[in-house]
Amino acid sequence: FSVLAANGLTVTPAPQQQQPADEFPLEDSQRLQQALQWA
């Protein structure tokens, strides 16, 4: 994120998906698919 900004790109980070504390964390591939859908 910092390197992209230093190179003059305005980049919006995808939001972190909120989930109940009693659930296992999302796999990276699931996080990626949800963020791509958001984009």
Full PDB file with SEQRES, HELIX, SHEET, SSBOND, CRYST1, ORIGX, SCALE, CONECT and MASTER records, all heavy atoms in Angstrom:
SEQRES   1 A   39  PHE SER VAL LEU ALA ALA ASN GLY LEU THR VAL THR PRO          
SEQRES   2 A   39  ALA PRO GLN GLN GLN GLN PRO ALA ASP GLU PHE PRO LEU          
SEQRES   3 A   39  GLU ASP SER GLN ARG LEU GLN GLN ALA LEU GLN TRP ALA          
HELIX    1 AA1 SER A    2  ALA A    6  1                                   5    
HELIX    2 AA2 ASP A   28  TRP A   38  1                                  11    
CRYST1    1.000    1.000    1.000  90.00  90.00  90.00 P 1           1          
ORIGX1      1.000000  0.000000  0.000000        0.00000                         
ORIGX2      0.000000  1.000000  0.000000        0.00000                         
ORIGX3      0.000000  0.000000  1.000000        0.00000                         
SCALE1      1.000000  0.000000  0.000000        0.00000                         
SCALE2      0.000000  1.000000  0.000000        0.00000                         
SCALE3      0.000000  0.000000  1.000000        0.00000                         
ATOM      1  N   PHE A   1       0.837  -1.196   0.000  1.00  0.00           N  
ATOM      2  CA  PHE A   1       0.000   0.000   0.000  1.00  0.00           C  
ATOM      3  C   PHE A   1       0.881   1.259   0.000  1.00  0.00           C  
ATOM      4  O   PHE A   1       0.661   2.192  -0.765  1.00  0.00           O  
ATOM      5  CB  PHE A   1      -0.947  -0.013   1.207  1.00  0.00           C  
ATOM      6  CG  PHE A   1      -1.909   1.136   1.232  1.00  0.00           C  
ATOM      7  CD1 PHE A   1      -3.014   1.149   0.405  1.00  0.00           C  
ATOM      8  CD2 PHE A   1      -1.699   2.214   2.076  1.00  0.00           C  
ATOM      9  CE1 PHE A   1      -3.915   2.212   0.406  1.00  0.00           C  
ATOM     10  CE2 PHE A   1      -2.581   3.282   2.090  1.00  0.00           C  
ATOM     11  CZ  PHE A   1      -3.692   3.283   1.255  1.00  0.00           C  
ATOM     12  N   SER A   2       1.905   1.264   0.834  1.00  0.00           N  
ATOM     13  CA  SER A   2       2.826   2.414   0.912  1.00  0.00           C  
ATOM     14  C   SER A   2       3.632   2.577  -0.368  1.00  0.00           C  
ATOM     15  O   SER A   2       3.823   3.699  -0.844  1.00  0.00           O  
ATOM     16  CB  SER A   2       3.793   2.235   2.088  1.00  0.00           C  
ATOM     17  OG  SER A   2       3.099   2.228   3.297  1.00  0.00           O  
ATOM     18  N   VAL A   3       4.095   1.474  -0.937  1.00  0.00           N  
ATOM     19  CA  VAL A   3       4.892   1.533  -2.170  1.00  0.00           C  
ATOM     20  C   VAL A   3       4.043   2.058  -3.331  1.00  0.00           C  
ATOM     21  O   VAL A   3       4.509   2.873  -4.140  1.00  0.00           O  
ATOM     22  CB  VAL A   3       5.501   0.146  -2.496  1.00  0.00           C  
ATOM     23  CG1 VAL A   3       6.109   0.112  -3.890  1.00  0.00           C  
ATOM     24  CG2 VAL A   3       6.549  -0.222  -1.453  1.00  0.00           C  
ATOM     25  N   LEU A   4       2.795   1.613  -3.425  1.00  0.00           N  
ATOM     26  CA  LEU A   4       1.906   2.098  -4.484  1.00  0.00           C  
ATOM     27  C   LEU A   4       1.678   3.608  -4.341  1.00  0.00           C  
ATOM     28  O   LEU A   4       1.723   4.349  -5.321  1.00  0.00           O  
ATOM     29  CB  LEU A   4       0.577   1.349  -4.453  1.00  0.00           C  
ATOM     30  CG  LEU A   4       0.636  -0.124  -4.868  1.00  0.00           C  
ATOM     31  CD1 LEU A   4      -0.664  -0.835  -4.501  1.00  0.00           C  
ATOM     32  CD2 LEU A   4       0.926  -0.263  -6.352  1.00  0.00           C  
ATOM     33  N   ALA A   5       1.445   4.062  -3.108  1.00  0.00           N  
ATOM     34  CA  ALA A   5       1.239   5.494  -2.863  1.00  0.00           C  
ATOM     35  C   ALA A   5       2.497   6.286  -3.216  1.00  0.00           C  
ATOM     36  O   ALA A   5       2.418   7.357  -3.818  1.00  0.00           O  
ATOM     37  CB  ALA A   5       0.841   5.730  -1.412  1.00  0.00           C  
ATOM     38  N   ALA A   6       3.666   5.757  -2.878  1.00  0.00           N  
ATOM     39  CA  ALA A   6       4.925   6.436  -3.185  1.00  0.00           C  
ATOM     40  C   ALA A   6       5.156   6.541  -4.691  1.00  0.00           C  
ATOM     41  O   ALA A   6       5.876   7.417  -5.150  1.00  0.00           O  
ATOM     42  CB  ALA A   6       6.094   5.702  -2.531  1.00  0.00           C  
ATOM     43  N   ASN A   7       4.512   5.659  -5.456  1.00  0.00           N  
ATOM     44  CA  ASN A   7       4.620   5.681  -6.909  1.00  0.00           C  
ATOM     45  C   ASN A   7       3.478   6.451  -7.558  1.00  0.00           C  
ATOM     46  O   ASN A   7       3.246   6.339  -8.756  1.00  0.00           O  
ATOM     47  CB  ASN A   7       4.688   4.249  -7.460  1.00  0.00           C  
ATOM     48  CG  ASN A   7       6.081   3.680  -7.336  1.00  0.00           C  
ATOM     49  OD1 ASN A   7       6.907   3.858  -8.218  1.00  0.00           O  
ATOM     50  ND2 ASN A   7       6.362   3.031  -6.215  1.00  0.00           N  
ATOM     51  N   GLY A   8       2.738   7.212  -6.759  1.00  0.00           N  
ATOM     52  CA  GLY A   8       1.729   8.109  -7.300  1.00  0.00           C  
ATOM     53  C   GLY A   8       0.379   7.491  -7.591  1.00  0.00           C  
ATOM     54  O   GLY A   8      -0.462   8.129  -8.222  1.00  0.00           O  
ATOM     55  N   LEU A   9       0.130   6.264  -7.123  1.00  0.00           N  
ATOM     56  CA  LEU A   9      -1.177   5.642  -7.338  1.00  0.00           C  
ATOM     57  C   LEU A   9      -2.066   5.868  -6.120  1.00  0.00           C  
ATOM     58  O   LEU A   9      -1.634   5.662  -4.989  1.00  0.00           O  
ATOM     59  CB  LEU A   9      -1.036   4.141  -7.584  1.00  0.00           C  
ATOM     60  CG  LEU A   9      -0.497   3.734  -8.938  1.00  0.00           C  
ATOM     61  CD1 LEU A   9      -0.308   2.229  -8.995  1.00  0.00           C  
ATOM     62  CD2 LEU A   9      -1.419   4.182 -10.048  1.00  0.00           C  
ATOM     63  N   THR A  10      -3.292   6.285  -6.382  1.00  0.00           N  
ATOM     64  CA  THR A  10      -4.280   6.400  -5.317  1.00  0.00           C  
ATOM     65  C   THR A  10      -5.023   5.075  -5.266  1.00  0.00           C  
ATOM     66  O   THR A  10      -5.738   4.716  -6.199  1.00  0.00           O  
ATOM     67  CB  THR A  10      -5.249   7.558  -5.609  1.00  0.00           C  
ATOM     68  OG1 THR A  10      -4.483   8.757  -5.739  1.00  0.00           O  
ATOM     69  CG2 THR A  10      -6.266   7.709  -4.496  1.00  0.00           C  
ATOM     70  N   VAL A  11      -4.822   4.346  -4.194  1.00  0.00           N  
ATOM     71  CA  VAL A  11      -5.365   2.991  -4.066  1.00  0.00           C  
ATOM     72  C   VAL A  11      -6.255   2.920  -2.837  1.00  0.00           C  
ATOM     73  O   VAL A  11      -5.884   3.388  -1.762  1.00  0.00           O  
ATOM     74  CB  VAL A  11      -4.214   1.958  -3.947  1.00  0.00           C  
ATOM     75  CG1 VAL A  11      -4.752   0.558  -3.831  1.00  0.00           C  
ATOM     76  CG2 VAL A  11      -3.265   2.061  -5.132  1.00  0.00           C  
ATOM     77  N   THR A  12      -7.423   2.323  -2.995  1.00  0.00           N  
ATOM     78  CA  THR A  12      -8.334   2.097  -1.880  1.00  0.00           C  
ATOM     79  C   THR A  12      -8.172   0.658  -1.405  1.00  0.00           C  
ATOM     80  O   THR A  12      -8.314  -0.268  -2.199  1.00  0.00           O  
ATOM     81  CB  THR A  12      -9.799   2.310  -2.334  1.00  0.00           C  
ATOM     82  OG1 THR A  12      -9.931   3.621  -2.867  1.00  0.00           O  
ATOM     83  CG2 THR A  12     -10.754   2.105  -1.179  1.00  0.00           C  
ATOM     84  N   PRO A  13      -7.854   0.456  -0.132  1.00  0.00           N  
ATOM     85  CA  PRO A  13      -7.759  -0.926   0.348  1.00  0.00           C  
ATOM     86  C   PRO A  13      -9.155  -1.526   0.499  1.00  0.00           C  
ATOM     87  O   PRO A  13     -10.093  -0.843   0.903  1.00  0.00           O  
ATOM     88  CB  PRO A  13      -7.057  -0.802   1.696  1.00  0.00           C  
ATOM     89  CG  PRO A  13      -7.230   0.611   2.113  1.00  0.00           C  
ATOM     90  CD  PRO A  13      -7.491   1.426   0.882  1.00  0.00           C  
ATOM     91  N   ALA A  14      -9.276  -2.789   0.148  1.00  0.00           N  
ATOM     92  CA  ALA A  14     -10.554  -3.488   0.333  1.00  0.00           C  
ATOM     93  C   ALA A  14     -10.849  -3.573   1.828  1.00  0.00           C  
ATOM     94  O   ALA A  14      -9.933  -3.752   2.632  1.00  0.00           O  
ATOM     95  CB  ALA A  14     -10.481  -4.884  -0.272  1.00  0.00           C  
ATOM     96  N   PRO A  15     -12.116  -3.436   2.212  1.00  0.00           N  
ATOM     97  CA  PRO A  15     -12.442  -3.506   3.644  1.00  0.00           C  
ATOM     98  C   PRO A  15     -12.226  -4.915   4.188  1.00  0.00           C  
ATOM     99  O   PRO A  15     -12.372  -5.902   3.470  1.00  0.00           O  
ATOM    100  CB  PRO A  15     -13.924  -3.119   3.687  1.00  0.00           C  
ATOM    101  CG  PRO A  15     -14.449  -3.449   2.333  1.00  0.00           C  
ATOM    102  CD  PRO A  15     -13.306  -3.258   1.380  1.00  0.00           C  
ATOM    103  N   GLN A  16     -11.858  -4.969   5.445  1.00  0.00           N  
ATOM    104  CA  GLN A  16     -11.725  -6.255   6.121  1.00  0.00           C  
ATOM    105  C   GLN A  16     -13.124  -6.793   6.400  1.00  0.00           C  
ATOM    106  O   GLN A  16     -13.982  -6.048   6.869  1.00  0.00           O  
ATOM    107  CB  GLN A  16     -10.960  -6.101   7.443  1.00  0.00           C  
ATOM    108  CG  GLN A  16      -9.538  -5.630   7.277  1.00  0.00           C  
ATOM    109  CD  GLN A  16      -8.659  -6.682   6.639  1.00  0.00           C  
ATOM    110  OE1 GLN A  16      -8.841  -7.882   6.841  1.00  0.00           O  
ATOM    111  NE2 GLN A  16      -7.705  -6.243   5.840  1.00  0.00           N  
ATOM    112  N   GLN A  17     -13.329  -8.043   6.094  1.00  0.00           N  
ATOM    113  CA  GLN A  17     -14.637  -8.653   6.338  1.00  0.00           C  
ATOM    114  C   GLN A  17     -14.800  -8.938   7.832  1.00  0.00           C  
ATOM    115  O   GLN A  17     -13.948  -9.564   8.445  1.00  0.00           O  
ATOM    116  CB  GLN A  17     -14.782  -9.958   5.542  1.00  0.00           C  
ATOM    117  CG  GLN A  17     -14.720  -9.768   4.041  1.00  0.00           C  
ATOM    118  CD  GLN A  17     -15.865  -8.927   3.524  1.00  0.00           C  
ATOM    119  OE1 GLN A  17     -16.976  -9.017   3.999  1.00  0.00           O  
ATOM    120  NE2 GLN A  17     -15.575  -8.102   2.522  1.00  0.00           N  
ATOM    121  N   GLN A  18     -15.895  -8.453   8.389  1.00  0.00           N  
ATOM    122  CA  GLN A  18     -16.183  -8.706   9.799  1.00  0.00           C  
ATOM    123  C   GLN A  18     -16.881 -10.064   9.918  1.00  0.00           C  
ATOM    124  O   GLN A  18     -17.707 -10.422   9.094  1.00  0.00           O  
ATOM    125  CB  GLN A  18     -17.091  -7.607  10.364  1.00  0.00           C  
ATOM    126  CG  GLN A  18     -16.481  -6.224  10.299  1.00  0.00           C  
ATOM    127  CD  GLN A  18     -15.209  -6.108  11.114  1.00  0.00           C  
ATOM    128  OE1 GLN A  18     -15.115  -6.651  12.204  1.00  0.00           O  
ATOM    129  NE2 GLN A  18     -14.226  -5.409  10.569  1.00  0.00           N  
ATOM    130  N   GLN A  19     -16.523 -10.788  10.956  1.00  0.00           N  
ATOM    131  CA  GLN A  19     -17.159 -12.070  11.189  1.00  0.00           C  
ATOM    132  C   GLN A  19     -17.256 -12.313  12.686  1.00  0.00           C  
ATOM    133  O   GLN A  19     -16.497 -11.736  13.449  1.00  0.00           O  
ATOM    134  CB  GLN A  19     -16.397 -13.196  10.496  1.00  0.00           C  
ATOM    135  CG  GLN A  19     -14.991 -13.393  11.016  1.00  0.00           C  
ATOM    136  CD  GLN A  19     -14.235 -14.422  10.209  1.00  0.00           C  
ATOM    137  OE1 GLN A  19     -13.832 -14.166   9.106  1.00  0.00           O  
ATOM    138  NE2 GLN A  19     -14.059 -15.596  10.780  1.00  0.00           N  
ATOM    139  N   PRO A  20     -18.201 -13.154  13.090  1.00  0.00           N  
ATOM    140  CA  PRO A  20     -18.351 -13.423  14.524  1.00  0.00           C  
ATOM    141  C   PRO A  20     -17.067 -14.011  15.121  1.00  0.00           C  
ATOM    142  O   PRO A  20     -16.342 -14.747  14.464  1.00  0.00           O  
ATOM    143  CB  PRO A  20     -19.489 -14.446  14.584  1.00  0.00           C  
ATOM    144  CG  PRO A  20     -20.234 -14.259  13.296  1.00  0.00           C  
ATOM    145  CD  PRO A  20     -19.209 -13.820  12.292  1.00  0.00           C  
ATOM    146  N   ALA A  21     -16.793 -13.670  16.378  1.00  0.00           N  
ATOM    147  CA  ALA A  21     -15.568 -14.096  17.043  1.00  0.00           C  
ATOM    148  C   ALA A  21     -15.487 -15.609  17.210  1.00  0.00           C  
ATOM    149  O   ALA A  21     -14.398 -16.158  17.322  1.00  0.00           O  
ATOM    150  CB  ALA A  21     -15.459 -13.414  18.403  1.00  0.00           C  
ATOM    151  N   ASP A  22     -16.646 -16.289  17.219  1.00  0.00           N  
ATOM    152  CA  ASP A  22     -16.616 -17.739  17.440  1.00  0.00           C  
ATOM    153  C   ASP A  22     -16.383 -18.529  16.148  1.00  0.00           C  
ATOM    154  O   ASP A  22     -16.341 -19.749  16.182  1.00  0.00           O  
ATOM    155  CB  ASP A  22     -17.898 -18.204  18.132  1.00  0.00           C  
ATOM    156  CG  ASP A  22     -19.157 -17.911  17.329  1.00  0.00           C  
ATOM    157  OD1 ASP A  22     -19.075 -17.092  16.383  1.00  0.00           O  
ATOM    158  OD2 ASP A  22     -20.209 -18.486  17.652  1.00  0.00           O  
ATOM    159  N   GLU A  23     -16.219 -17.845  15.010  1.00  0.00           N  
ATOM    160  CA  GLU A  23     -15.959 -18.536  13.743  1.00  0.00           C  
ATOM    161  C   GLU A  23     -14.471 -18.528  13.441  1.00  0.00           C  
ATOM    162  O   GLU A  23     -13.722 -17.665  13.887  1.00  0.00           O  
ATOM    163  CB  GLU A  23     -16.696 -17.840  12.596  1.00  0.00           C  
ATOM    164  CG  GLU A  23     -18.192 -18.028  12.646  1.00  0.00           C  
ATOM    165  CD  GLU A  23     -18.881 -17.416  11.439  1.00  0.00           C  
ATOM    166  OE1 GLU A  23     -18.202 -17.159  10.427  1.00  0.00           O  
ATOM    167  OE2 GLU A  23     -20.088 -17.186  11.520  1.00  0.00           O  
ATOM    168  N   PHE A  24     -14.059 -19.544  12.664  1.00  0.00           N  
ATOM    169  CA  PHE A  24     -12.674 -19.579  12.217  1.00  0.00           C  
ATOM    170  C   PHE A  24     -12.422 -18.413  11.269  1.00  0.00           C  
ATOM    171  O   PHE A  24     -13.322 -18.001  10.537  1.00  0.00           O  
ATOM    172  CB  PHE A  24     -12.376 -20.891  11.475  1.00  0.00           C  
ATOM    173  CG  PHE A  24     -12.249 -22.069  12.388  1.00  0.00           C  
ATOM    174  CD1 PHE A  24     -13.226 -23.053  12.407  1.00  0.00           C  
ATOM    175  CD2 PHE A  24     -11.146 -22.196  13.222  1.00  0.00           C  
ATOM    176  CE1 PHE A  24     -13.113 -24.146  13.253  1.00  0.00           C  
ATOM    177  CE2 PHE A  24     -11.029 -23.277  14.077  1.00  0.00           C  
ATOM    178  CZ  PHE A  24     -12.007 -24.256  14.094  1.00  0.00           C  
ATOM    179  N   PRO A  25     -11.197 -17.873  11.255  1.00  0.00           N  
ATOM    180  CA  PRO A  25     -10.904 -16.794  10.311  1.00  0.00           C  
ATOM    181  C   PRO A  25     -11.070 -17.281   8.866  1.00  0.00           C  
ATOM    182  O   PRO A  25     -10.891 -18.455   8.571  1.00  0.00           O  
ATOM    183  CB  PRO A  25      -9.436 -16.465  10.589  1.00  0.00           C  
ATOM    184  CG  PRO A  25      -9.096 -17.117  11.871  1.00  0.00           C  
ATOM    185  CD  PRO A  25     -10.072 -18.224  12.083  1.00  0.00           C  
ATOM    186  N   LEU A  26     -11.416 -16.349   7.998  1.00  0.00           N  
ATOM    187  CA  LEU A  26     -11.566 -16.696   6.580  1.00  0.00           C  
ATOM    188  C   LEU A  26     -10.226 -17.076   5.979  1.00  0.00           C  
ATOM    189  O   LEU A  26      -9.192 -16.506   6.321  1.00  0.00           O  
ATOM    190  CB  LEU A  26     -12.138 -15.506   5.803  1.00  0.00           C  
ATOM    191  CG  LEU A  26     -13.575 -15.103   6.086  1.00  0.00           C  
ATOM    192  CD1 LEU A  26     -13.916 -13.845   5.293  1.00  0.00           C  
ATOM    193  CD2 LEU A  26     -14.527 -16.224   5.734  1.00  0.00           C  
ATOM    194  N   GLU A  27     -10.257 -18.037   5.087  1.00  0.00           N  
ATOM    195  CA  GLU A  27      -9.064 -18.384   4.328  1.00  0.00           C  
ATOM    196  C   GLU A  27      -8.704 -17.199   3.431  1.00  0.00           C  
ATOM    197  O   GLU A  27      -9.574 -16.424   3.038  1.00  0.00           O  
ATOM    198  CB  GLU A  27      -9.331 -19.620   3.461  1.00  0.00           C  
ATOM    199  CG  GLU A  27      -9.562 -20.889   4.240  1.00  0.00           C  
ATOM    200  CD  GLU A  27      -8.273 -21.425   4.832  1.00  0.00           C  
ATOM    201  OE1 GLU A  27      -7.207 -21.316   4.179  1.00  0.00           O  
ATOM    202  OE2 GLU A  27      -8.324 -21.950   5.951  1.00  0.00           O  
ATOM    203  N   ASP A  28      -7.414 -17.092   3.073  1.00  0.00           N  
ATOM    204  CA  ASP A  28      -6.981 -15.993   2.206  1.00  0.00           C  
ATOM    205  C   ASP A  28      -7.738 -15.980   0.889  1.00  0.00           C  
ATOM    206  O   ASP A  28      -8.102 -14.922   0.390  1.00  0.00           O  
ATOM    207  CB  ASP A  28      -5.479 -16.098   1.935  1.00  0.00           C  
ATOM    208  CG  ASP A  28      -4.648 -15.700   3.142  1.00  0.00           C  
ATOM    209  OD1 ASP A  28      -5.200 -15.103   4.083  1.00  0.00           O  
ATOM    210  OD2 ASP A  28      -3.442 -15.983   3.134  1.00  0.00           O  
ATOM    211  N   SER A  29      -7.969 -17.153   0.311  1.00  0.00           N  
ATOM    212  CA  SER A  29      -8.674 -17.201  -0.978  1.00  0.00           C  
ATOM    213  C   SER A  29     -10.110 -16.710  -0.837  1.00  0.00           C  
ATOM    214  O   SER A  29     -10.643 -16.063  -1.740  1.00  0.00           O  
ATOM    215  CB  SER A  29      -8.629 -18.612  -1.565  1.00  0.00           C  
ATOM    216  OG  SER A  29      -9.197 -19.532  -0.667  1.00  0.00           O  
ATOM    217  N   GLN A  30     -10.756 -16.978   0.311  1.00  0.00           N  
ATOM    218  CA  GLN A  30     -12.108 -16.474   0.553  1.00  0.00           C  
ATOM    219  C   GLN A  30     -12.090 -14.957   0.713  1.00  0.00           C  
ATOM    220  O   GLN A  30     -12.957 -14.259   0.185  1.00  0.00           O  
ATOM    221  CB  GLN A  30     -12.707 -17.117   1.812  1.00  0.00           C  
ATOM    222  CG  GLN A  30     -13.022 -18.591   1.676  1.00  0.00           C  
ATOM    223  CD  GLN A  30     -13.449 -19.171   3.009  1.00  0.00           C  
ATOM    224  OE1 GLN A  30     -12.750 -19.058   4.007  1.00  0.00           O  
ATOM    225  NE2 GLN A  30     -14.634 -19.777   3.015  1.00  0.00           N  
ATOM    226  N   ARG A  31     -11.101 -14.451   1.452  1.00  0.00           N  
ATOM    227  CA  ARG A  31     -10.962 -12.999   1.612  1.00  0.00           C  
ATOM    228  C   ARG A  31     -10.773 -12.339   0.253  1.00  0.00           C  
ATOM    229  O   ARG A  31     -11.362 -11.299  -0.028  1.00  0.00           O  
ATOM    230  CB  ARG A  31      -9.744 -12.671   2.494  1.00  0.00           C  
ATOM    231  CG  ARG A  31      -9.909 -12.961   3.950  1.00  0.00           C  
ATOM    232  CD  ARG A  31      -8.650 -12.644   4.786  1.00  0.00           C  
ATOM    233  NE  ARG A  31      -8.041 -11.372   4.451  1.00  0.00           N  
ATOM    234  CZ  ARG A  31      -6.726 -11.210   4.231  1.00  0.00           C  
ATOM    235  NH1 ARG A  31      -5.899 -12.231   4.310  1.00  0.00           N  
ATOM    236  NH2 ARG A  31      -6.239 -10.020   3.948  1.00  0.00           N  
ATOM    237  N   LEU A  32      -9.953 -12.956  -0.597  1.00  0.00           N  
ATOM    238  CA  LEU A  32      -9.676 -12.410  -1.923  1.00  0.00           C  
ATOM    239  C   LEU A  32     -10.945 -12.378  -2.769  1.00  0.00           C  
ATOM    240  O   LEU A  32     -11.255 -11.362  -3.402  1.00  0.00           O  
ATOM    241  CB  LEU A  32      -8.586 -13.222  -2.621  1.00  0.00           C  
ATOM    242  CG  LEU A  32      -8.274 -12.832  -4.058  1.00  0.00           C  
ATOM    243  CD1 LEU A  32      -7.818 -11.391  -4.148  1.00  0.00           C  
ATOM    244  CD2 LEU A  32      -7.232 -13.770  -4.638  1.00  0.00           C  
ATOM    245  N   GLN A  33     -11.721 -13.460  -2.772  1.00  0.00           N  
ATOM    246  CA  GLN A  33     -12.941 -13.513  -3.584  1.00  0.00           C  
ATOM    247  C   GLN A  33     -13.975 -12.493  -3.105  1.00  0.00           C  
ATOM    248  O   GLN A  33     -14.628 -11.839  -3.920  1.00  0.00           O  
ATOM    249  CB  GLN A  33     -13.538 -14.931  -3.580  1.00  0.00           C  
ATOM    250  CG  GLN A  33     -12.727 -15.935  -4.377  1.00  0.00           C  
ATOM    251  CD  GLN A  33     -12.440 -15.455  -5.791  1.00  0.00           C  
ATOM    252  OE1 GLN A  33     -13.313 -14.992  -6.507  1.00  0.00           O  
ATOM    253  NE2 GLN A  33     -11.170 -15.542  -6.189  1.00  0.00           N  
ATOM    254  N   GLN A  34     -14.117 -12.341  -1.806  1.00  0.00           N  
ATOM    255  CA  GLN A  34     -15.058 -11.349  -1.279  1.00  0.00           C  
ATOM    256  C   GLN A  34     -14.626  -9.938  -1.650  1.00  0.00           C  
ATOM    257  O   GLN A  34     -15.448  -9.093  -2.021  1.00  0.00           O  
ATOM    258  CB  GLN A  34     -15.191 -11.490   0.236  1.00  0.00           C  
ATOM    259  CG  GLN A  34     -15.971 -12.708   0.666  1.00  0.00           C  
ATOM    260  CD  GLN A  34     -16.111 -12.800   2.181  1.00  0.00           C  
ATOM    261  OE1 GLN A  34     -15.601 -11.967   2.923  1.00  0.00           O  
ATOM    262  NE2 GLN A  34     -16.800 -13.835   2.629  1.00  0.00           N  
ATOM    263  N   ALA A  35     -13.320  -9.662  -1.565  1.00  0.00           N  
ATOM    264  CA  ALA A  35     -12.813  -8.334  -1.896  1.00  0.00           C  
ATOM    265  C   ALA A  35     -12.951  -8.058  -3.391  1.00  0.00           C  
ATOM    266  O   ALA A  35     -13.272  -6.932  -3.791  1.00  0.00           O  
ATOM    267  CB  ALA A  35     -11.354  -8.205  -1.458  1.00  0.00           C  
ATOM    268  N   LEU A  36     -12.733  -9.066  -4.222  1.00  0.00           N  
ATOM    269  CA  LEU A  36     -12.894  -8.890  -5.668  1.00  0.00           C  
ATOM    270  C   LEU A  36     -14.357  -8.596  -6.002  1.00  0.00           C  
ATOM    271  O   LEU A  36     -14.651  -7.734  -6.836  1.00  0.00           O  
ATOM    272  CB  LEU A  36     -12.398 -10.131  -6.424  1.00  0.00           C  
ATOM    273  CG  LEU A  36     -12.416 -10.045  -7.936  1.00  0.00           C  
ATOM    274  CD1 LEU A  36     -11.597  -8.865  -8.444  1.00  0.00           C  
ATOM    275  CD2 LEU A  36     -11.889 -11.349  -8.543  1.00  0.00           C  
ATOM    276  N   GLN A  37     -15.269  -9.270  -5.346  1.00  0.00           N  
ATOM    277  CA  GLN A  37     -16.700  -9.006  -5.536  1.00  0.00           C  
ATOM    278  C   GLN A  37     -17.032  -7.569  -5.134  1.00  0.00           C  
ATOM    279  O   GLN A  37     -17.777  -6.874  -5.819  1.00  0.00           O  
ATOM    280  CB  GLN A  37     -17.539 -10.006  -4.720  1.00  0.00           C  
ATOM    281  CG  GLN A  37     -19.040  -9.824  -4.843  1.00  0.00           C  
ATOM    282  CD  GLN A  37     -19.530 -10.045  -6.264  1.00  0.00           C  
ATOM    283  OE1 GLN A  37     -18.977 -10.836  -7.020  1.00  0.00           O  
ATOM    284  NE2 GLN A  37     -20.570  -9.321  -6.645  1.00  0.00           N  
ATOM    285  N   TRP A  38     -16.456  -7.104  -4.034  1.00  0.00           N  
ATOM    286  CA  TRP A  38     -16.644  -5.726  -3.567  1.00  0.00           C  
ATOM    287  C   TRP A  38     -16.142  -4.739  -4.621  1.00  0.00           C  
ATOM    288  O   TRP A  38     -16.818  -3.762  -4.946  1.00  0.00           O  
ATOM    289  CB  TRP A  38     -15.919  -5.558  -2.232  1.00  0.00           C  
ATOM    290  CG  TRP A  38     -15.880  -4.167  -1.701  1.00  0.00           C  
ATOM    291  CD1 TRP A  38     -16.872  -3.512  -1.021  1.00  0.00           C  
ATOM    292  CD2 TRP A  38     -14.789  -3.252  -1.778  1.00  0.00           C  
ATOM    293  NE1 TRP A  38     -16.454  -2.247  -0.675  1.00  0.00           N  
ATOM    294  CE2 TRP A  38     -15.171  -2.065  -1.135  1.00  0.00           C  
ATOM    295  CE3 TRP A  38     -13.513  -3.329  -2.341  1.00  0.00           C  
ATOM    296  CZ2 TRP A  38     -14.338  -0.960  -1.027  1.00  0.00           C  
ATOM    297  CZ3 TRP A  38     -12.676  -2.236  -2.236  1.00  0.00           C  
ATOM    298  CH2 TRP A  38     -13.097  -1.063  -1.594  1.00  0.00           C  
ATOM    299  N   ALA A  39     -14.953  -5.003  -5.192  1.00  0.00           N  
ATOM    300  CA  ALA A  39     -14.376  -4.122  -6.226  1.00  0.00           C  
ATOM    301  C   ALA A  39     -15.237  -4.130  -7.479  1.00  0.00           C  
ATOM    302  O   ALA A  39     -15.421  -3.092  -8.130  1.00  0.00           O  
ATOM    303  CB  ALA A  39     -12.951  -4.562  -6.550  1.00  0.00           C  
TER     304      ALA A  39                                                      
MASTER        0    0    0    2    0    0    0    6  303    1    0    3          
END                                                                             
